[in-house]
């Protein structure tokens, strides 16, 4: 399964955008963006810090752009899900990398599509107090709206939904909403 996932991500990340455009069209002015996001799902809550770099600044503002995104997330499981497990403590952290699609649709608002692969670890303690560190891998997608100001520096704000698949022993799927706040630089 991971071999196919690796192939798909390699293919998706090699897509190049070629477009002919008039030099007088508005462009995507931001070069880098840092977002802090709070996710609230059916199984967990998490906080993520992500960095996006926009190498498509010469693409007209009406076209899709696909910047790279790097992130670090820490999540905590919901109590009702945790009580059904065979463990007394749980924590997870992972690093993610992926491509994000941004499509301008009105003034400073963009549609945002995201596909990330996450790698990290989960720390579990069972009822006999034996700690286990496990490798964690996952796939995360999200869809939403993002406000990105036209200025080079400014505040960004987002709202969306996310879906997450992972190899966690506690839960393998999560779905919920995500709120984002950040800056463009």
N, C-alpha and C. Protein backbone atom coordinates (compact mmCIF):
# COMPACT_ATOMS: atom_id res chain seq x y z
N UNK A 1 0.82 -1.19 0.00
CA UNK A 1 0.00 0.00 0.00
C UNK A 1 0.86 1.25 0.00
N UNK A 2 1.91 1.27 0.83
CA UNK A 2 2.74 2.46 0.92
C UNK A 2 3.54 2.67 -0.37
N UNK A 3 3.83 1.58 -1.09
CA UNK A 3 4.53 1.70 -2.37
C UNK A 3 3.65 2.47 -3.35
N UNK A 4 2.34 2.15 -3.38
CA UNK A 4 1.43 2.86 -4.27
C UNK A 4 1.24 4.31 -3.82
N UNK A 5 1.19 4.53 -2.52
CA UNK A 5 1.07 5.88 -1.99
C UNK A 5 2.28 6.71 -2.39
N UNK A 6 3.48 6.14 -2.26
CA UNK A 6 4.71 6.83 -2.65
C UNK A 6 4.68 7.17 -4.14
N UNK A 7 4.25 6.21 -4.98
CA UNK A 7 4.15 6.45 -6.41
C UNK A 7 3.18 7.59 -6.70
N UNK A 8 1.99 7.57 -6.08
CA UNK A 8 0.99 8.62 -6.30
C UNK A 8 1.52 9.98 -5.89
N UNK A 9 2.16 10.08 -4.73
CA UNK A 9 2.67 11.37 -4.26
C UNK A 9 3.80 11.88 -5.15
N UNK A 10 4.65 10.98 -5.63
CA UNK A 10 5.71 11.39 -6.55
C UNK A 10 5.11 11.94 -7.84
N UNK A 11 4.11 11.27 -8.36
CA UNK A 11 3.45 11.72 -9.56
C UNK A 11 2.76 13.06 -9.34
N UNK A 12 2.04 13.19 -8.22
CA UNK A 12 1.31 14.44 -7.94
C UNK A 12 2.26 15.61 -7.72
N UNK A 13 3.42 15.36 -7.15
CA UNK A 13 4.33 16.46 -6.87
C UNK A 13 5.13 16.88 -8.09
N UNK A 14 5.10 16.08 -9.16
CA UNK A 14 5.87 16.44 -10.33
C UNK A 14 5.04 17.20 -11.35
N UNK A 15 3.80 17.49 -11.03
CA UNK A 15 2.95 18.23 -11.95
C UNK A 15 3.46 19.67 -12.05
N UNK A 16 3.66 20.11 -13.25
CA UNK A 16 4.09 21.49 -13.48
C UNK A 16 2.97 22.24 -14.15
N UNK A 17 2.86 23.49 -13.82
CA UNK A 17 1.83 24.33 -14.42
C UNK A 17 2.45 25.18 -15.51
N UNK A 18 1.89 25.09 -16.67
CA UNK A 18 2.31 25.95 -17.77
C UNK A 18 1.08 26.76 -18.16
N UNK A 19 1.23 28.05 -18.21
CA UNK A 19 0.10 28.85 -18.65
C UNK A 19 0.60 30.09 -19.34
N UNK A 20 -0.14 30.48 -20.34
CA UNK A 20 0.15 31.73 -21.01
C UNK A 20 -0.73 32.77 -20.36
N UNK A 21 -0.14 33.91 -20.07
CA UNK A 21 -0.95 34.93 -19.42
C UNK A 21 -0.44 36.31 -19.79
N UNK A 22 -1.32 37.25 -19.63
CA UNK A 22 -1.02 38.64 -19.88
C UNK A 22 -0.28 39.20 -18.66
N UNK A 23 0.79 39.92 -18.87
CA UNK A 23 1.58 40.46 -17.78
C UNK A 23 0.80 41.45 -16.92
N UNK A 24 -0.33 41.95 -17.42
CA UNK A 24 -1.12 42.92 -16.65
C UNK A 24 -2.10 42.25 -15.70
N UNK A 25 -2.21 40.92 -15.73
CA UNK A 25 -3.11 40.23 -14.82
C UNK A 25 -2.54 40.23 -13.42
N UNK A 26 -3.41 40.28 -12.38
CA UNK A 26 -2.90 40.21 -11.01
C UNK A 26 -2.25 38.85 -10.74
N UNK A 27 -1.17 38.86 -9.98
CA UNK A 27 -0.43 37.65 -9.66
C UNK A 27 -0.63 37.29 -8.19
N UNK A 28 -0.15 36.12 -7.79
CA UNK A 28 -0.17 35.70 -6.40
C UNK A 28 1.00 36.38 -5.70
N UNK A 29 0.79 37.37 -4.83
CA UNK A 29 1.89 38.15 -4.29
C UNK A 29 2.68 37.50 -3.16
N UNK A 30 2.10 36.54 -2.46
CA UNK A 30 2.80 36.01 -1.29
C UNK A 30 3.83 34.96 -1.71
N UNK A 31 4.96 34.98 -1.01
CA UNK A 31 6.04 34.04 -1.30
C UNK A 31 6.03 32.88 -0.32
N UNK A 32 5.87 33.17 0.96
CA UNK A 32 5.84 32.15 2.01
C UNK A 32 4.67 32.44 2.95
N UNK A 33 4.16 31.39 3.56
CA UNK A 33 3.06 31.55 4.51
C UNK A 33 3.27 30.56 5.65
N UNK A 34 3.04 31.04 6.86
CA UNK A 34 3.10 30.20 8.06
C UNK A 34 1.69 30.18 8.64
N UNK A 35 1.15 28.97 8.85
CA UNK A 35 -0.19 28.81 9.42
C UNK A 35 -0.12 27.96 10.68
N UNK A 36 -0.84 28.38 11.69
CA UNK A 36 -1.06 27.59 12.90
C UNK A 36 -2.52 27.16 12.84
N UNK A 37 -2.76 25.86 12.93
CA UNK A 37 -4.11 25.33 12.77
C UNK A 37 -4.53 24.52 13.99
N UNK A 38 -5.79 24.62 14.31
CA UNK A 38 -6.41 23.83 15.37
C UNK A 38 -7.45 22.94 14.71
N UNK A 39 -7.29 21.62 14.88
CA UNK A 39 -8.24 20.68 14.30
C UNK A 39 -9.05 20.03 15.42
N UNK A 40 -10.33 19.86 15.15
CA UNK A 40 -11.24 19.20 16.09
C UNK A 40 -11.97 18.12 15.30
N UNK A 41 -11.62 16.86 15.61
CA UNK A 41 -12.19 15.74 14.88
C UNK A 41 -13.07 14.86 15.74
N UNK A 42 -13.61 13.83 15.13
CA UNK A 42 -14.49 12.91 15.86
C UNK A 42 -13.69 12.03 16.81
N UNK A 43 -12.38 11.86 16.56
CA UNK A 43 -11.54 11.02 17.41
C UNK A 43 -10.43 11.76 18.14
N UNK A 44 -10.03 12.93 17.66
CA UNK A 44 -8.90 13.63 18.27
C UNK A 44 -8.99 15.13 18.06
N UNK A 45 -8.13 15.83 18.80
CA UNK A 45 -7.93 17.26 18.62
C UNK A 45 -6.44 17.47 18.45
N UNK A 46 -6.07 18.40 17.57
CA UNK A 46 -4.65 18.60 17.33
C UNK A 46 -4.31 20.04 17.02
N UNK A 47 -3.02 20.33 17.12
CA UNK A 47 -2.48 21.63 16.75
C UNK A 47 -1.36 21.39 15.76
N UNK A 48 -1.36 22.17 14.69
CA UNK A 48 -0.38 21.98 13.62
C UNK A 48 0.24 23.32 13.25
N UNK A 49 1.54 23.32 13.07
CA UNK A 49 2.27 24.46 12.53
C UNK A 49 2.74 24.06 11.14
N UNK A 50 2.43 24.86 10.13
CA UNK A 50 2.78 24.51 8.76
C UNK A 50 3.42 25.70 8.05
N UNK A 51 4.33 25.38 7.15
CA UNK A 51 5.03 26.38 6.34
C UNK A 51 4.78 26.05 4.87
N UNK A 52 4.33 27.05 4.11
CA UNK A 52 4.07 26.88 2.68
C UNK A 52 4.97 27.82 1.90
N UNK A 53 5.54 27.33 0.82
CA UNK A 53 6.37 28.17 -0.04
C UNK A 53 5.75 28.20 -1.43
N UNK A 54 5.53 29.39 -1.94
CA UNK A 54 4.85 29.60 -3.21
C UNK A 54 5.88 29.93 -4.28
N UNK A 55 6.20 28.98 -5.10
CA UNK A 55 7.13 29.19 -6.21
C UNK A 55 6.37 29.55 -7.49
N UNK A 56 5.06 29.72 -7.39
CA UNK A 56 4.21 30.01 -8.54
C UNK A 56 3.74 31.46 -8.56
N UNK A 57 4.56 32.36 -8.10
CA UNK A 57 4.12 33.75 -7.96
C UNK A 57 3.85 34.42 -9.30
N UNK A 58 4.36 33.90 -10.38
CA UNK A 58 4.14 34.49 -11.69
C UNK A 58 2.89 33.95 -12.38
N UNK A 59 2.23 33.00 -11.75
CA UNK A 59 0.99 32.44 -12.29
C UNK A 59 -0.13 33.44 -12.02
N UNK A 60 -1.00 33.70 -13.01
CA UNK A 60 -2.10 34.65 -12.77
C UNK A 60 -2.95 34.22 -11.58
N UNK A 61 -3.51 35.20 -10.90
CA UNK A 61 -4.29 34.95 -9.67
C UNK A 61 -5.50 34.07 -9.92
N UNK A 62 -6.01 33.98 -11.13
CA UNK A 62 -7.19 33.17 -11.43
C UNK A 62 -6.83 31.69 -11.62
N UNK A 63 -5.57 31.34 -11.72
CA UNK A 63 -5.13 29.97 -11.96
C UNK A 63 -4.86 29.25 -10.64
N UNK A 64 -4.90 27.92 -10.68
CA UNK A 64 -4.51 27.11 -9.52
C UNK A 64 -3.02 27.22 -9.31
N UNK A 65 -2.60 27.26 -8.06
CA UNK A 65 -1.18 27.14 -7.72
C UNK A 65 -1.04 25.97 -6.75
N UNK A 66 0.13 25.35 -6.74
CA UNK A 66 0.36 24.14 -5.94
C UNK A 66 1.65 24.26 -5.13
N UNK A 67 1.63 25.07 -4.06
CA UNK A 67 2.85 25.18 -3.25
C UNK A 67 3.08 23.94 -2.38
N UNK A 68 4.33 23.74 -2.02
CA UNK A 68 4.70 22.68 -1.09
C UNK A 68 4.35 23.11 0.33
N UNK A 69 4.02 22.16 1.17
CA UNK A 69 3.75 22.44 2.57
C UNK A 69 4.50 21.47 3.47
N UNK A 70 5.08 22.00 4.53
CA UNK A 70 5.74 21.20 5.56
C UNK A 70 5.07 21.51 6.88
N UNK A 71 4.83 20.50 7.70
CA UNK A 71 4.14 20.76 8.96
C UNK A 71 4.57 19.82 10.07
N UNK A 72 4.24 20.24 11.27
CA UNK A 72 4.45 19.42 12.47
C UNK A 72 3.17 19.47 13.27
N UNK A 73 2.64 18.30 13.64
CA UNK A 73 1.37 18.24 14.37
C UNK A 73 1.50 17.39 15.62
N UNK A 74 0.82 17.84 16.65
CA UNK A 74 0.68 17.07 17.88
C UNK A 74 -0.81 16.93 18.14
N UNK A 75 -1.24 15.71 18.48
CA UNK A 75 -2.67 15.52 18.71
C UNK A 75 -2.92 14.73 19.99
N UNK A 76 -4.09 14.96 20.52
CA UNK A 76 -4.57 14.25 21.71
C UNK A 76 -5.89 13.60 21.34
N UNK A 77 -6.09 12.40 21.85
CA UNK A 77 -7.28 11.64 21.53
C UNK A 77 -8.45 12.09 22.41
N UNK A 78 -9.65 11.98 21.88
CA UNK A 78 -10.85 12.31 22.65
C UNK A 78 -11.07 11.25 23.73
N UNK A 79 -11.56 11.69 24.89
CA UNK A 79 -11.71 10.80 26.04
C UNK A 79 -12.62 9.61 25.76
N UNK A 80 -13.74 9.83 25.07
CA UNK A 80 -14.67 8.72 24.80
C UNK A 80 -14.04 7.65 23.91
N UNK A 81 -13.16 8.04 22.99
CA UNK A 81 -12.45 7.08 22.14
C UNK A 81 -11.37 6.38 22.96
N UNK A 82 -10.68 7.15 23.79
CA UNK A 82 -9.58 6.63 24.59
C UNK A 82 -10.06 5.58 25.60
N UNK A 83 -11.22 5.80 26.22
CA UNK A 83 -11.74 4.87 27.22
C UNK A 83 -12.08 3.50 26.62
N UNK A 84 -12.30 3.43 25.32
CA UNK A 84 -12.59 2.15 24.65
C UNK A 84 -11.31 1.40 24.29
N UNK A 85 -10.15 2.02 24.48
CA UNK A 85 -8.88 1.39 24.09
C UNK A 85 -8.31 0.55 25.23
N UNK A 86 -7.22 -0.13 24.94
CA UNK A 86 -6.52 -0.95 25.92
C UNK A 86 -5.32 -0.22 26.53
N UNK A 87 -5.36 1.10 26.53
CA UNK A 87 -4.21 1.89 26.98
C UNK A 87 -4.63 2.94 28.00
N UNK A 88 -3.68 3.36 28.83
CA UNK A 88 -3.98 4.39 29.83
C UNK A 88 -3.40 5.74 29.45
N UNK A 89 -2.39 5.78 28.56
CA UNK A 89 -1.90 7.06 28.04
C UNK A 89 -1.64 6.93 26.55
N UNK A 90 -1.73 8.08 25.86
CA UNK A 90 -1.52 8.14 24.42
C UNK A 90 -1.02 9.53 24.06
N UNK A 91 -0.06 9.61 23.17
CA UNK A 91 0.32 10.89 22.56
C UNK A 91 0.90 10.58 21.19
N UNK A 92 0.71 11.51 20.28
CA UNK A 92 1.28 11.32 18.94
C UNK A 92 1.81 12.65 18.42
N UNK A 93 2.87 12.53 17.64
CA UNK A 93 3.48 13.68 16.98
C UNK A 93 3.91 13.20 15.60
N UNK A 94 3.72 14.07 14.61
CA UNK A 94 4.23 13.68 13.30
C UNK A 94 4.57 14.89 12.45
N UNK A 95 5.44 14.60 11.52
CA UNK A 95 5.89 15.57 10.54
C UNK A 95 5.15 15.26 9.24
N UNK A 96 4.70 16.29 8.53
CA UNK A 96 3.97 16.05 7.29
C UNK A 96 4.57 16.86 6.15
N UNK A 97 4.43 16.33 4.96
CA UNK A 97 4.86 17.01 3.74
C UNK A 97 3.81 16.74 2.68
N UNK A 98 3.55 17.73 1.85
CA UNK A 98 2.56 17.52 0.80
C UNK A 98 2.39 18.70 -0.11
N UNK A 99 1.43 18.56 -1.00
CA UNK A 99 1.10 19.61 -1.95
C UNK A 99 -0.25 20.20 -1.57
N UNK A 100 -0.37 21.48 -1.81
CA UNK A 100 -1.60 22.20 -1.52
C UNK A 100 -2.05 22.92 -2.78
N UNK A 101 -3.33 22.87 -3.05
CA UNK A 101 -3.87 23.60 -4.18
C UNK A 101 -4.61 24.82 -3.69
N UNK A 102 -4.29 25.97 -4.27
CA UNK A 102 -4.97 27.21 -3.95
C UNK A 102 -5.58 27.77 -5.23
N UNK A 103 -6.86 28.08 -5.20
CA UNK A 103 -7.56 28.64 -6.35
C UNK A 103 -8.27 29.89 -5.91
N UNK A 104 -7.87 31.04 -6.47
CA UNK A 104 -8.51 32.31 -6.15
C UNK A 104 -9.94 32.28 -6.66
N UNK A 105 -10.88 32.75 -5.82
CA UNK A 105 -12.25 32.78 -6.32
C UNK A 105 -12.95 34.11 -6.09
N UNK A 106 -12.57 34.92 -5.10
CA UNK A 106 -13.21 36.21 -4.92
C UNK A 106 -12.36 37.07 -3.99
N UNK A 107 -12.06 38.28 -4.43
CA UNK A 107 -11.22 39.22 -3.68
C UNK A 107 -9.99 38.50 -3.15
N UNK A 108 -9.82 38.40 -1.83
CA UNK A 108 -8.64 37.77 -1.25
C UNK A 108 -8.93 36.35 -0.74
N UNK A 109 -10.00 35.73 -1.21
CA UNK A 109 -10.38 34.40 -0.76
C UNK A 109 -9.97 33.33 -1.77
N UNK A 110 -9.54 32.19 -1.23
CA UNK A 110 -9.06 31.09 -2.05
C UNK A 110 -9.72 29.79 -1.60
N UNK A 111 -10.01 28.91 -2.57
CA UNK A 111 -10.31 27.53 -2.24
C UNK A 111 -8.97 26.88 -1.91
N UNK A 112 -8.96 25.98 -0.96
CA UNK A 112 -7.73 25.32 -0.56
C UNK A 112 -7.97 23.81 -0.51
N UNK A 113 -7.17 23.07 -1.27
CA UNK A 113 -7.18 21.61 -1.24
C UNK A 113 -5.81 21.16 -0.79
N UNK A 114 -5.74 20.20 0.12
CA UNK A 114 -4.46 19.78 0.67
C UNK A 114 -4.37 18.27 0.70
N UNK A 115 -3.19 17.75 0.36
CA UNK A 115 -2.88 16.33 0.46
C UNK A 115 -1.50 16.21 1.07
N UNK A 116 -1.42 15.62 2.26
CA UNK A 116 -0.16 15.46 2.99
C UNK A 116 0.07 14.02 3.39
N UNK A 117 1.33 13.64 3.46
CA UNK A 117 1.74 12.37 4.03
C UNK A 117 2.39 12.69 5.36
N UNK A 118 1.99 11.98 6.40
CA UNK A 118 2.55 12.21 7.73
C UNK A 118 3.34 11.02 8.23
N UNK A 119 4.49 11.30 8.84
CA UNK A 119 5.32 10.27 9.45
C UNK A 119 5.68 10.74 10.85
N UNK A 120 5.60 9.84 11.82
CA UNK A 120 5.92 10.23 13.19
C UNK A 120 5.87 9.05 14.12
N UNK A 121 5.47 9.34 15.37
CA UNK A 121 5.37 8.25 16.34
C UNK A 121 4.18 8.47 17.26
N UNK A 122 3.75 7.36 17.85
CA UNK A 122 2.74 7.43 18.90
C UNK A 122 3.31 6.71 20.11
N UNK A 123 3.05 7.28 21.26
CA UNK A 123 3.54 6.72 22.51
C UNK A 123 2.33 6.21 23.28
N UNK A 124 2.36 4.92 23.62
CA UNK A 124 1.24 4.27 24.30
C UNK A 124 1.71 3.63 25.60
N UNK A 125 0.86 3.67 26.61
CA UNK A 125 1.10 2.95 27.87
C UNK A 125 -0.12 2.09 28.14
N UNK A 126 0.13 0.77 28.30
CA UNK A 126 -1.01 -0.12 28.55
C UNK A 126 -1.28 -0.22 30.06
N UNK A 127 -2.26 -1.04 30.44
CA UNK A 127 -2.67 -1.15 31.84
C UNK A 127 -1.63 -1.81 32.73
N UNK A 128 -0.64 -2.47 32.16
CA UNK A 128 0.46 -3.03 32.95
C UNK A 128 1.64 -2.05 33.00
N UNK A 129 1.39 -0.81 32.60
CA UNK A 129 2.36 0.29 32.61
C UNK A 129 3.56 0.05 31.70
N UNK A 130 3.38 -0.74 30.69
CA UNK A 130 4.43 -0.96 29.70
C UNK A 130 4.26 0.09 28.60
N UNK A 131 5.34 0.87 28.37
CA UNK A 131 5.31 1.90 27.33
C UNK A 131 5.74 1.34 26.00
N UNK A 132 5.08 1.78 24.95
CA UNK A 132 5.39 1.36 23.60
C UNK A 132 5.48 2.60 22.72
N UNK A 133 6.56 2.70 21.97
CA UNK A 133 6.70 3.73 20.94
C UNK A 133 6.52 3.06 19.60
N UNK A 134 5.58 3.56 18.83
CA UNK A 134 5.28 2.98 17.52
C UNK A 134 5.50 4.00 16.42
N UNK A 135 5.97 3.51 15.27
CA UNK A 135 6.06 4.32 14.07
C UNK A 135 4.64 4.60 13.59
N UNK A 136 4.40 5.83 13.18
CA UNK A 136 3.07 6.25 12.75
C UNK A 136 3.18 6.80 11.33
N UNK A 137 2.33 6.33 10.45
CA UNK A 137 2.27 6.85 9.08
C UNK A 137 0.82 7.15 8.76
N UNK A 138 0.62 8.16 7.94
CA UNK A 138 -0.75 8.50 7.61
C UNK A 138 -0.87 9.36 6.38
N UNK A 139 -2.09 9.57 5.99
CA UNK A 139 -2.45 10.40 4.85
C UNK A 139 -3.53 11.36 5.31
N UNK A 140 -3.35 12.64 4.99
CA UNK A 140 -4.31 13.65 5.42
C UNK A 140 -4.73 14.50 4.24
N UNK A 141 -6.03 14.75 4.15
CA UNK A 141 -6.57 15.65 3.13
C UNK A 141 -7.41 16.71 3.83
N UNK A 142 -7.54 17.86 3.20
CA UNK A 142 -8.46 18.87 3.71
C UNK A 142 -8.96 19.72 2.55
N UNK A 143 -10.11 20.32 2.77
CA UNK A 143 -10.73 21.21 1.81
C UNK A 143 -11.28 22.39 2.59
N UNK A 144 -11.13 23.59 2.06
CA UNK A 144 -11.65 24.73 2.79
C UNK A 144 -11.47 26.04 2.06
N UNK A 145 -11.72 27.11 2.80
CA UNK A 145 -11.54 28.47 2.31
C UNK A 145 -10.42 29.12 3.10
N UNK A 146 -9.66 29.95 2.41
CA UNK A 146 -8.54 30.62 3.04
C UNK A 146 -8.51 32.07 2.59
N UNK A 147 -8.42 32.97 3.54
CA UNK A 147 -8.24 34.39 3.24
C UNK A 147 -6.75 34.68 3.22
N UNK A 148 -6.25 35.14 2.08
CA UNK A 148 -4.84 35.51 1.94
C UNK A 148 -4.81 36.94 1.40
N UNK A 149 -4.26 37.90 2.15
CA UNK A 149 -4.26 39.28 1.68
C UNK A 149 -3.39 39.46 0.44
N UNK A 150 -3.71 40.48 -0.35
CA UNK A 150 -2.95 40.76 -1.56
C UNK A 150 -1.56 41.31 -1.25
N UNK A 151 -1.38 41.87 -0.09
CA UNK A 151 -0.08 42.45 0.26
C UNK A 151 0.94 41.36 0.51
N UNK A 152 2.22 41.71 0.40
CA UNK A 152 3.29 40.75 0.62
C UNK A 152 3.29 40.25 2.07
N UNK A 153 3.00 41.15 3.01
CA UNK A 153 2.92 40.80 4.42
C UNK A 153 1.48 40.98 4.88
N UNK A 154 0.97 40.01 5.62
CA UNK A 154 -0.39 40.14 6.11
C UNK A 154 -0.83 38.91 6.87
N UNK A 155 -2.04 38.99 7.41
CA UNK A 155 -2.60 37.87 8.17
C UNK A 155 -3.47 37.01 7.28
N UNK A 156 -3.33 35.70 7.42
CA UNK A 156 -4.15 34.74 6.69
C UNK A 156 -5.09 34.06 7.69
N UNK A 157 -6.26 33.68 7.21
CA UNK A 157 -7.27 33.07 8.06
C UNK A 157 -7.98 31.98 7.25
N UNK A 158 -8.19 30.80 7.85
CA UNK A 158 -8.81 29.71 7.11
C UNK A 158 -9.80 28.90 7.92
N UNK A 159 -10.69 28.22 7.22
CA UNK A 159 -11.68 27.34 7.81
C UNK A 159 -11.92 26.21 6.81
N UNK A 160 -11.94 24.97 7.31
CA UNK A 160 -12.15 23.85 6.40
C UNK A 160 -12.50 22.57 7.13
N UNK A 161 -12.57 21.49 6.36
CA UNK A 161 -12.79 20.16 6.90
C UNK A 161 -11.57 19.30 6.55
N UNK A 162 -11.30 18.30 7.38
CA UNK A 162 -10.16 17.42 7.14
C UNK A 162 -10.57 15.97 7.28
N UNK A 163 -9.79 15.10 6.64
CA UNK A 163 -9.92 13.67 6.76
C UNK A 163 -8.51 13.13 6.99
N UNK A 164 -8.37 12.16 7.87
CA UNK A 164 -7.04 11.64 8.20
C UNK A 164 -7.11 10.12 8.35
N UNK A 165 -6.22 9.42 7.66
CA UNK A 165 -6.03 7.98 7.82
C UNK A 165 -4.67 7.76 8.45
N UNK A 166 -4.57 6.83 9.41
CA UNK A 166 -3.27 6.60 10.04
C UNK A 166 -3.14 5.15 10.49
N UNK A 167 -1.92 4.78 10.86
CA UNK A 167 -1.63 3.43 11.34
C UNK A 167 -1.69 3.35 12.86
N UNK A 168 -2.35 4.29 13.50
CA UNK A 168 -2.45 4.33 14.96
C UNK A 168 -3.17 3.10 15.50
N UNK A 169 -2.75 2.65 16.68
CA UNK A 169 -3.42 1.52 17.35
C UNK A 169 -4.75 1.95 17.96
N UNK A 170 -4.92 3.24 18.25
CA UNK A 170 -6.14 3.71 18.90
C UNK A 170 -7.24 4.03 17.89
N UNK A 171 -6.91 4.73 16.84
CA UNK A 171 -7.91 5.04 15.81
C UNK A 171 -7.20 5.13 14.45
N UNK A 172 -7.89 4.71 13.40
CA UNK A 172 -7.27 4.71 12.08
C UNK A 172 -7.86 5.78 11.16
N UNK A 173 -8.96 6.40 11.58
CA UNK A 173 -9.61 7.41 10.74
C UNK A 173 -10.09 8.55 11.62
N UNK A 174 -9.97 9.76 11.11
CA UNK A 174 -10.52 10.92 11.80
C UNK A 174 -11.08 11.87 10.76
N UNK A 175 -12.08 12.62 11.15
CA UNK A 175 -12.77 13.57 10.29
C UNK A 175 -13.21 14.72 11.17
N UNK A 176 -13.06 15.95 10.69
CA UNK A 176 -13.50 17.08 11.50
C UNK A 176 -13.27 18.41 10.81
N UNK A 177 -13.24 19.46 11.63
CA UNK A 177 -13.05 20.81 11.10
C UNK A 177 -11.68 21.34 11.54
N UNK A 178 -11.18 22.28 10.77
CA UNK A 178 -9.87 22.87 11.07
C UNK A 178 -9.97 24.39 10.91
N UNK A 179 -9.42 25.11 11.90
CA UNK A 179 -9.34 26.57 11.89
C UNK A 179 -7.87 26.94 11.76
N UNK A 180 -7.56 27.92 10.91
CA UNK A 180 -6.16 28.31 10.67
C UNK A 180 -5.99 29.81 10.80
N UNK A 181 -4.84 30.20 11.33
CA UNK A 181 -4.45 31.59 11.45
C UNK A 181 -2.96 31.66 11.13
N UNK A 182 -2.57 32.64 10.34
CA UNK A 182 -1.15 32.73 9.99
C UNK A 182 -0.76 34.05 9.39
N UNK A 183 0.45 34.08 8.86
CA UNK A 183 0.98 35.29 8.23
C UNK A 183 1.61 34.94 6.89
N UNK A 184 1.57 35.90 5.98
CA UNK A 184 2.30 35.76 4.73
C UNK A 184 3.56 36.59 4.82
N UNK A 185 4.63 36.06 4.27
CA UNK A 185 5.92 36.76 4.31
C UNK A 185 6.63 36.65 2.97
